Amino acid sequence: MADHIVPHFANDDGVAVIHIGVKEFQCMGARAPFDHPHVFLDIGGDTEIVCPYCSTLYKHDPALHADETRPAGAYVKTLADA
């Protein structure tokens, strides 16, 4: 069983870059019904990663919390957040 919740992010606005405060997350493209397969991404020791489905560039920013993004609004609340 996982010891933490994996945040989900969506790029509804189609921006090129989203800054996030975590290194492990799921990209879902846009919110349903326009989503792509929800893919787990791990930035690891790097500072950025590109989603292989939607080509969104995610950049890690340690100043952001797990539920914060720049631009704002890319964090997706899940049932686990309730």
PDB file of N, CA and C in Angstrom:
ATOM      1  N   MET A   1       0.829  -1.175   0.000  1.00  0.00           N
ATOM      2  CA  MET A   1       0.000   0.000   0.000  1.00  0.00           C
ATOM      3  C   MET A   1       0.880   1.247   0.000  1.00  0.00           C
ATOM      4  N   ALA A   2       0.485   2.245  -0.748  1.00  0.00           N
ATOM      5  CA  ALA A   2       1.276   3.467  -0.853  1.00  0.00           C
ATOM      6  C   ALA A   2       1.243   4.244   0.453  1.00  0.00           C
ATOM      7  N   ASP A   3       2.346   4.885   0.770  1.00  0.00           N
ATOM      8  CA  ASP A   3       2.396   5.663   2.000  1.00  0.00           C
ATOM      9  C   ASP A   3       2.041   7.127   1.770  1.00  0.00           C
ATOM     10  N   HIS A   4       1.723   7.491   0.529  1.00  0.00           N
ATOM     11  CA  HIS A   4       1.307   8.855   0.230  1.00  0.00           C
ATOM     12  C   HIS A   4       0.425   8.875  -1.014  1.00  0.00           C
ATOM     13  N   ILE A   5      -0.311   9.951  -1.159  1.00  0.00           N
ATOM     14  CA  ILE A   5      -1.196  10.120  -2.307  1.00  0.00           C
ATOM     15  C   ILE A   5      -0.400  10.725  -3.457  1.00  0.00           C
ATOM     16  N   VAL A   6      -0.569  10.176  -4.647  1.00  0.00           N
ATOM     17  CA  VAL A   6       0.117  10.696  -5.826  1.00  0.00           C
ATOM     18  C   VAL A   6      -0.765  11.775  -6.454  1.00  0.00           C
ATOM     19  N   PRO A   7      -0.292  13.032  -6.490  1.00  0.00           N
ATOM     20  CA  PRO A   7      -1.096  14.111  -7.064  1.00  0.00           C
ATOM     21  C   PRO A   7      -1.335  13.900  -8.560  1.00  0.00           C
ATOM     22  N   HIS A   8      -2.487  14.389  -9.015  1.00  0.00           N
ATOM     23  CA  HIS A   8      -2.845  14.368 -10.433  1.00  0.00           C
ATOM     24  C   HIS A   8      -2.841  15.802 -10.947  1.00  0.00           C
ATOM     25  N   PHE A   9      -2.329  15.980 -12.167  1.00  0.00           N
ATOM     26  CA  PHE A   9      -2.321  17.306 -12.787  1.00  0.00           C
ATOM     27  C   PHE A   9      -2.940  17.217 -14.175  1.00  0.00           C
ATOM     28  N   ALA A  10      -3.634  18.290 -14.559  1.00  0.00           N
ATOM     29  CA  ALA A  10      -4.268  18.373 -15.874  1.00  0.00           C
ATOM     30  C   ALA A  10      -3.895  19.708 -16.512  1.00  0.00           C
ATOM     31  N   ASN A  11      -3.696  19.673 -17.808  1.00  0.00           N
ATOM     32  CA  ASN A  11      -3.323  20.871 -18.558  1.00  0.00           C
ATOM     33  C   ASN A  11      -4.506  21.322 -19.419  1.00  0.00           C
ATOM     34  N   ASP A  12      -5.590  21.748 -18.767  1.00  0.00           N
ATOM     35  CA  ASP A  12      -6.791  22.178 -19.479  1.00  0.00           C
ATOM     36  C   ASP A  12      -6.548  23.374 -20.389  1.00  0.00           C
ATOM     37  N   ASP A  13      -5.628  24.239 -19.990  1.00  0.00           N
ATOM     38  CA  ASP A  13      -5.375  25.455 -20.760  1.00  0.00           C
ATOM     39  C   ASP A  13      -4.369  25.258 -21.896  1.00  0.00           C
ATOM     40  N   GLY A  14      -3.745  24.092 -21.957  1.00  0.00           N
ATOM     41  CA  GLY A  14      -2.799  23.799 -23.031  1.00  0.00           C
ATOM     42  C   GLY A  14      -1.511  24.606 -22.963  1.00  0.00           C
ATOM     43  N   VAL A  15      -1.072  24.956 -21.751  1.00  0.00           N
ATOM     44  CA  VAL A  15       0.175  25.703 -21.604  1.00  0.00           C
ATOM     45  C   VAL A  15       1.365  24.788 -21.883  1.00  0.00           C
ATOM     46  N   ALA A  16       2.482  25.361 -22.237  1.00  0.00           N
ATOM     47  CA  ALA A  16       3.666  24.574 -22.562  1.00  0.00           C
ATOM     48  C   ALA A  16       4.360  24.025 -21.320  1.00  0.00           C
ATOM     49  N   VAL A  17       4.352  24.813 -20.210  1.00  0.00           N
ATOM     50  CA  VAL A  17       5.090  24.452 -19.003  1.00  0.00           C
ATOM     51  C   VAL A  17       4.189  24.608 -17.779  1.00  0.00           C
ATOM     52  N   ILE A  18       4.244  23.616 -16.888  1.00  0.00           N
ATOM     53  CA  ILE A  18       3.561  23.699 -15.594  1.00  0.00           C
ATOM     54  C   ILE A  18       4.603  23.447 -14.508  1.00  0.00           C
ATOM     55  N   HIS A  19       4.706  24.383 -13.578  1.00  0.00           N
ATOM     56  CA  HIS A  19       5.609  24.236 -12.434  1.00  0.00           C
ATOM     57  C   HIS A  19       4.837  23.568 -11.308  1.00  0.00           C
ATOM     58  N   ILE A  20       5.441  22.536 -10.704  1.00  0.00           N
ATOM     59  CA  ILE A  20       4.780  21.756  -9.662  1.00  0.00           C
ATOM     60  C   ILE A  20       5.716  21.576  -8.468  1.00  0.00           C
ATOM     61  N   GLY A  21       5.132  21.256  -7.310  1.00  0.00           N
ATOM     62  CA  GLY A  21       5.923  21.118  -6.088  1.00  0.00           C
ATOM     63  C   GLY A  21       6.252  19.698  -5.698  1.00  0.00           C
ATOM     64  N   VAL A  22       6.005  18.743  -6.586  1.00  0.00           N
ATOM     65  CA  VAL A  22       6.293  17.334  -6.308  1.00  0.00           C
ATOM     66  C   VAL A  22       7.129  16.741  -7.440  1.00  0.00           C
ATOM     67  N   LYS A  23       7.742  15.614  -7.162  1.00  0.00           N
ATOM     68  CA  LYS A  23       8.536  14.943  -8.191  1.00  0.00           C
ATOM     69  C   LYS A  23       7.889  13.663  -8.701  1.00  0.00           C
ATOM     70  N   GLU A  24       6.867  13.163  -8.013  1.00  0.00           N
ATOM     71  CA  GLU A  24       6.117  11.991  -8.459  1.00  0.00           C
ATOM     72  C   GLU A  24       4.655  12.391  -8.585  1.00  0.00           C
ATOM     73  N   PHE A  25       4.064  12.133  -9.745  1.00  0.00           N
ATOM     74  CA  PHE A  25       2.702  12.586  -9.992  1.00  0.00           C
ATOM     75  C   PHE A  25       2.115  11.843 -11.181  1.00  0.00           C
ATOM     76  N   GLN A  26       0.836  12.090 -11.440  1.00  0.00           N
ATOM     77  CA  GLN A  26       0.185  11.554 -12.626  1.00  0.00           C
ATOM     78  C   GLN A  26      -0.268  12.717 -13.499  1.00  0.00           C
ATOM     79  N   CYS A  27       0.016  12.613 -14.794  1.00  0.00           N
ATOM     80  CA  CYS A  27      -0.491  13.566 -15.775  1.00  0.00           C
ATOM     81  C   CYS A  27      -1.693  12.910 -16.434  1.00  0.00           C
ATOM     82  N   MET A  28      -2.759  13.679 -16.569  1.00  0.00           N
ATOM     83  CA  MET A  28      -3.959  13.165 -17.222  1.00  0.00           C
ATOM     84  C   MET A  28      -4.307  13.955 -18.475  1.00  0.00           C
ATOM     85  N   GLY A  29      -3.389  14.779 -18.949  1.00  0.00           N
ATOM     86  CA  GLY A  29      -3.649  15.601 -20.124  1.00  0.00           C
ATOM     87  C   GLY A  29      -4.560  16.737 -19.742  1.00  0.00           C
ATOM     88  N   ALA A  30      -5.828  16.645 -20.092  1.00  0.00           N
ATOM     89  CA  ALA A  30      -6.858  17.586 -19.668  1.00  0.00           C
ATOM     90  C   ALA A  30      -7.863  16.804 -18.832  1.00  0.00           C
ATOM     91  N   ARG A  31      -8.776  17.506 -18.199  1.00  0.00           N
ATOM     92  CA  ARG A  31      -9.818  16.813 -17.425  1.00  0.00           C
ATOM     93  C   ARG A  31     -10.775  16.100 -18.377  1.00  0.00           C
ATOM     94  N   ALA A  32     -11.398  15.035 -17.870  1.00  0.00           N
ATOM     95  CA  ALA A  32     -12.352  14.250 -18.662  1.00  0.00           C
ATOM     96  C   ALA A  32     -13.447  15.162 -19.215  1.00  0.00           C
ATOM     97  N   PRO A  33     -13.895  14.935 -20.413  1.00  0.00           N
ATOM     98  CA  PRO A  33     -13.672  13.759 -21.255  1.00  0.00           C
ATOM     99  C   PRO A  33     -12.495  13.911 -22.212  1.00  0.00           C
ATOM    100  N   PHE A  34     -11.659  14.919 -21.997  1.00  0.00           N
ATOM    101  CA  PHE A  34     -10.555  15.189 -22.926  1.00  0.00           C
ATOM    102  C   PHE A  34      -9.214  14.677 -22.410  1.00  0.00           C
ATOM    103  N   ASP A  35      -9.245  13.790 -21.426  1.00  0.00           N
ATOM    104  CA  ASP A  35      -8.012  13.284 -20.839  1.00  0.00           C
ATOM    105  C   ASP A  35      -7.362  12.218 -21.704  1.00  0.00           C
ATOM    106  N   HIS A  36      -6.078  11.984 -21.432  1.00  0.00           N
ATOM    107  CA  HIS A  36      -5.363  10.867 -22.051  1.00  0.00           C
ATOM    108  C   HIS A  36      -5.155   9.825 -20.951  1.00  0.00           C
ATOM    109  N   PRO A  37      -4.613   8.656 -21.260  1.00  0.00           N
ATOM    110  CA  PRO A  37      -4.343   7.693 -20.185  1.00  0.00           C
ATOM    111  C   PRO A  37      -3.549   8.372 -19.067  1.00  0.00           C
ATOM    112  N   HIS A  38      -3.956   8.170 -17.837  1.00  0.00           N
ATOM    113  CA  HIS A  38      -3.301   8.806 -16.696  1.00  0.00           C
ATOM    114  C   HIS A  38      -1.959   8.113 -16.479  1.00  0.00           C
ATOM    115  N   VAL A  39      -0.887   8.827 -16.758  1.00  0.00           N
ATOM    116  CA  VAL A  39       0.456   8.253 -16.742  1.00  0.00           C
ATOM    117  C   VAL A  39       1.215   8.740 -15.512  1.00  0.00           C
ATOM    118  N   PHE A  40       1.862   7.789 -14.821  1.00  0.00           N
ATOM    119  CA  PHE A  40       2.690   8.110 -13.660  1.00  0.00           C
ATOM    120  C   PHE A  40       4.032   8.619 -14.158  1.00  0.00           C
ATOM    121  N   LEU A  41       4.446   9.769 -13.655  1.00  0.00           N
ATOM    122  CA  LEU A  41       5.740  10.350 -14.026  1.00  0.00           C
ATOM    123  C   LEU A  41       6.563  10.585 -12.771  1.00  0.00           C
ATOM    124  N   ASP A  42       7.865  10.339 -12.868  1.00  0.00           N
ATOM    125  CA  ASP A  42       8.788  10.519 -11.749  1.00  0.00           C
ATOM    126  C   ASP A  42       9.963  11.351 -12.234  1.00  0.00           C
ATOM    127  N   ILE A  43      10.093  12.559 -11.729  1.00  0.00           N
ATOM    128  CA  ILE A  43      11.176  13.460 -12.135  1.00  0.00           C
ATOM    129  C   ILE A  43      12.514  12.960 -11.618  1.00  0.00           C
ATOM    130  N   GLY A  44      12.502  12.225 -10.506  1.00  0.00           N
ATOM    131  CA  GLY A  44      13.739  11.662  -9.955  1.00  0.00           C
ATOM    132  C   GLY A  44      14.739  12.736  -9.583  1.00  0.00           C
ATOM    133  N   GLY A  45      15.991  12.567  -9.986  1.00  0.00           N
ATOM    134  CA  GLY A  45      17.046  13.513  -9.673  1.00  0.00           C
ATOM    135  C   GLY A  45      17.089  14.719 -10.586  1.00  0.00           C
ATOM    136  N   ASP A  46      16.240  14.724 -11.604  1.00  0.00           N
ATOM    137  CA  ASP A  46      16.200  15.848 -12.544  1.00  0.00           C
ATOM    138  C   ASP A  46      15.307  16.960 -11.997  1.00  0.00           C
ATOM    139  N   THR A  47      15.124  18.001 -12.780  1.00  0.00           N
ATOM    140  CA  THR A  47      14.266  19.113 -12.371  1.00  0.00           C
ATOM    141  C   THR A  47      13.051  19.262 -13.274  1.00  0.00           C
ATOM    142  N   GLU A  48      12.980  18.453 -14.347  1.00  0.00           N
ATOM    143  CA  GLU A  48      11.843  18.558 -15.257  1.00  0.00           C
ATOM    144  C   GLU A  48      11.625  17.243 -16.001  1.00  0.00           C
ATOM    145  N   ILE A  49      10.397  17.106 -16.529  1.00  0.00           N
ATOM    146  CA  ILE A  49      10.046  15.906 -17.298  1.00  0.00           C
ATOM    147  C   ILE A  49       8.932  16.285 -18.273  1.00  0.00           C
ATOM    148  N   VAL A  50       8.915  15.609 -19.424  1.00  0.00           N
ATOM    149  CA  VAL A  50       7.891  15.843 -20.436  1.00  0.00           C
ATOM    150  C   VAL A  50       6.933  14.655 -20.447  1.00  0.00           C
ATOM    151  N   CYS A  51       5.630  14.943 -20.444  1.00  0.00           N
ATOM    152  CA  CYS A  51       4.639  13.876 -20.533  1.00  0.00           C
ATOM    153  C   CYS A  51       4.700  13.277 -21.939  1.00  0.00           C
ATOM    154  N   PRO A  52       4.812  11.955 -22.046  1.00  0.00           N
ATOM    155  CA  PRO A  52       4.907  11.326 -23.366  1.00  0.00           C
ATOM    156  C   PRO A  52       3.598  11.362 -24.161  1.00  0.00           C
ATOM    157  N   TYR A  53       2.486  11.653 -23.519  1.00  0.00           N
ATOM    158  CA  TYR A  53       1.200  11.709 -24.216  1.00  0.00           C
ATOM    159  C   TYR A  53       0.859  13.105 -24.718  1.00  0.00           C
ATOM    160  N   CYS A  54       0.939  14.108 -23.834  1.00  0.00           N
ATOM    161  CA  CYS A  54       0.478  15.454 -24.207  1.00  0.00           C
ATOM    162  C   CYS A  54       1.615  16.453 -24.398  1.00  0.00           C
ATOM    163  N   SER A  55       2.847  16.046 -24.137  1.00  0.00           N
ATOM    164  CA  SER A  55       4.042  16.873 -24.305  1.00  0.00           C
ATOM    165  C   SER A  55       4.101  18.077 -23.371  1.00  0.00           C
ATOM    166  N   THR A  56       3.324  18.054 -22.288  1.00  0.00           N
ATOM    167  CA  THR A  56       3.437  19.108 -21.282  1.00  0.00           C
ATOM    168  C   THR A  56       4.777  18.958 -20.573  1.00  0.00           C
ATOM    169  N   LEU A  57       5.501  20.061 -20.428  1.00  0.00           N
ATOM    170  CA  LEU A  57       6.758  20.069 -19.688  1.00  0.00           C
ATOM    171  C   LEU A  57       6.439  20.418 -18.241  1.00  0.00           C
ATOM    172  N   TYR A  58       6.763  19.515 -17.331  1.00  0.00           N
ATOM    173  CA  TYR A  58       6.581  19.749 -15.902  1.00  0.00           C
ATOM    174  C   TYR A  58       7.935  20.090 -15.302  1.00  0.00           C
ATOM    175  N   LYS A  59       7.991  21.202 -14.561  1.00  0.00           N
ATOM    176  CA  LYS A  59       9.223  21.628 -13.894  1.00  0.00           C
ATOM    177  C   LYS A  59       9.003  21.642 -12.395  1.00  0.00           C
ATOM    178  N   HIS A  60       9.908  21.007 -11.677  1.00  0.00           N
ATOM    179  CA  HIS A  60       9.804  20.956 -10.223  1.00  0.00           C
ATOM    180  C   HIS A  60      10.222  22.285  -9.615  1.00  0.00           C
ATOM    181  N   ASP A  61       9.390  22.799  -8.708  1.00  0.00           N
ATOM    182  CA  ASP A  61       9.676  24.022  -7.962  1.00  0.00           C
ATOM    183  C   ASP A  61       9.464  23.700  -6.484  1.00  0.00           C
ATOM    184  N   PRO A  62      10.540  23.518  -5.718  1.00  0.00           N
ATOM    185  CA  PRO A  62      10.397  23.117  -4.314  1.00  0.00           C
ATOM    186  C   PRO A  62       9.690  24.158  -3.451  1.00  0.00           C
ATOM    187  N   ALA A  63       9.499  25.358  -3.936  1.00  0.00           N
ATOM    188  CA  ALA A  63       8.780  26.385  -3.177  1.00  0.00           C
ATOM    189  C   ALA A  63       7.270  26.167  -3.214  1.00  0.00           C
ATOM    190  N   LEU A  64       6.778  25.317  -4.130  1.00  0.00           N
ATOM    191  CA  LEU A  64       5.345  25.051  -4.254  1.00  0.00           C
ATOM    192  C   LEU A  64       4.949  23.849  -3.403  1.00  0.00           C
ATOM    193  N   HIS A  65       3.731  23.874  -2.858  1.00  0.00           N
ATOM    194  CA  HIS A  65       3.181  22.730  -2.134  1.00  0.00           C
ATOM    195  C   HIS A  65       2.677  21.703  -3.147  1.00  0.00           C
ATOM    196  N   ALA A  66       2.365  20.499  -2.673  1.00  0.00           N
ATOM    197  CA  ALA A  66       1.927  19.408  -3.557  1.00  0.00           C
ATOM    198  C   ALA A  66       0.668  19.749  -4.336  1.00  0.00           C
ATOM    199  N   ASP A  67      -0.176  20.610  -3.796  1.00  0.00           N
ATOM    200  CA  ASP A  67      -1.428  20.960  -4.470  1.00  0.00           C
ATOM    201  C   ASP A  67      -1.385  22.335  -5.136  1.00  0.00           C
ATOM    202  N   GLU A  68      -0.193  22.885  -5.325  1.00  0.00           N
ATOM    203  CA  GLU A  68      -0.023  24.177  -5.985  1.00  0.00           C
ATOM    204  C   GLU A  68       0.649  24.002  -7.337  1.00  0.00           C
ATOM    205  N   THR A  69       0.273  24.806  -8.287  1.00  0.00           N
ATOM    206  CA  THR A  69       0.920  24.812  -9.602  1.00  0.00           C
ATOM    207  C   THR A  69       1.064  26.243 -10.084  1.00  0.00           C
ATOM    208  N   ARG A  70       1.965  26.421 -10.991  1.00  0.00           N
ATOM    209  CA  ARG A  70       2.123  27.703 -11.684  1.00  0.00           C
ATOM    210  C   ARG A  70       2.188  27.406 -13.163  1.00  0.00           C
ATOM    211  N   PRO A  71       1.248  27.842 -13.967  1.00  0.00           N
ATOM    212  CA  PRO A  71       0.082  28.633 -13.589  1.00  0.00           C
ATOM    213  C   PRO A  71      -0.874  27.837 -12.708  1.00  0.00           C
ATOM    214  N   ALA A  72      -1.681  28.565 -11.956  1.00  0.00           N
ATOM    215  CA  ALA A  72      -2.622  27.949 -11.014  1.00  0.00           C
ATOM    216  C   ALA A  72      -3.700  27.159 -11.758  1.00  0.00           C
ATOM    217  N   GLY A  73      -4.255  26.173 -11.065  1.00  0.00           N
ATOM    218  CA  GLY A  73      -5.403  25.448 -11.596  1.00  0.00           C
ATOM    219  C   GLY A  73      -5.125  24.102 -12.216  1.00  0.00           C
ATOM    220  N   ALA A  74      -3.883  23.655 -12.254  1.00  0.00           N
ATOM    221  CA  ALA A  74      -3.571  22.369 -12.889  1.00  0.00           C
ATOM    222  C   ALA A  74      -3.726  21.186 -11.930  1.00  0.00           C
ATOM    223  N   TYR A  75      -3.765  21.452 -10.633  1.00  0.00           N
ATOM    224  CA  TYR A  75      -3.939  20.373  -9.657  1.00  0.00           C
ATOM    225  C   TYR A  75      -5.370  19.848  -9.737  1.00  0.00           C
ATOM    226  N   VAL A  76      -5.518  18.523  -9.761  1.00  0.00           N
ATOM    227  CA  VAL A  76      -6.835  17.892  -9.859  1.00  0.00           C
ATOM    228  C   VAL A  76      -7.154  17.220  -8.532  1.00  0.00           C
ATOM    229  N   LYS A  77      -8.236  17.640  -7.897  1.00  0.00           N
ATOM    230  CA  LYS A  77      -8.687  16.989  -6.654  1.00  0.00           C
ATOM    231  C   LYS A  77      -9.212  15.604  -6.992  1.00  0.00           C
ATOM    232  N   THR A  78      -8.811  14.615  -6.203  1.00  0.00           N
ATOM    233  CA  THR A  78      -9.273  13.247  -6.395  1.00  0.00           C
ATOM    234  C   THR A  78     -10.091  12.822  -5.185  1.00  0.00           C
ATOM    235  N   LEU A  79     -10.681  11.649  -5.227  1.00  0.00           N
ATOM    236  CA  LEU A  79     -11.435  11.138  -4.093  1.00  0.00           C
ATOM    237  C   LEU A  79     -10.567  11.018  -2.853  1.00  0.00           C
ATOM    238  N   ALA A  80      -9.297  10.755  -3.047  1.00  0.00           N
ATOM    239  CA  ALA A  80      -8.376  10.618  -1.913  1.00  0.00           C
ATOM    240  C   ALA A  80      -8.191  11.951  -1.180  1.00  0.00           C
ATOM    241  N   ASP A  81      -8.455  13.065  -1.868  1.00  0.00           N
ATOM    242  CA  ASP A  81      -8.330  14.383  -1.256  1.00  0.00           C
ATOM    243  C   ASP A  81      -9.521  14.721  -0.363  1.00  0.00           C
ATOM    244  N   ALA A  82     -10.614  14.013  -0.557  1.00  0.00           N
ATOM    245  CA  ALA A  82     -11.857  14.336   0.175  1.00  0.00           C
ATOM    246  C   ALA A  82     -11.763  13.995   1.639  1.00  0.00           C
TER     247      ALA A  82
END
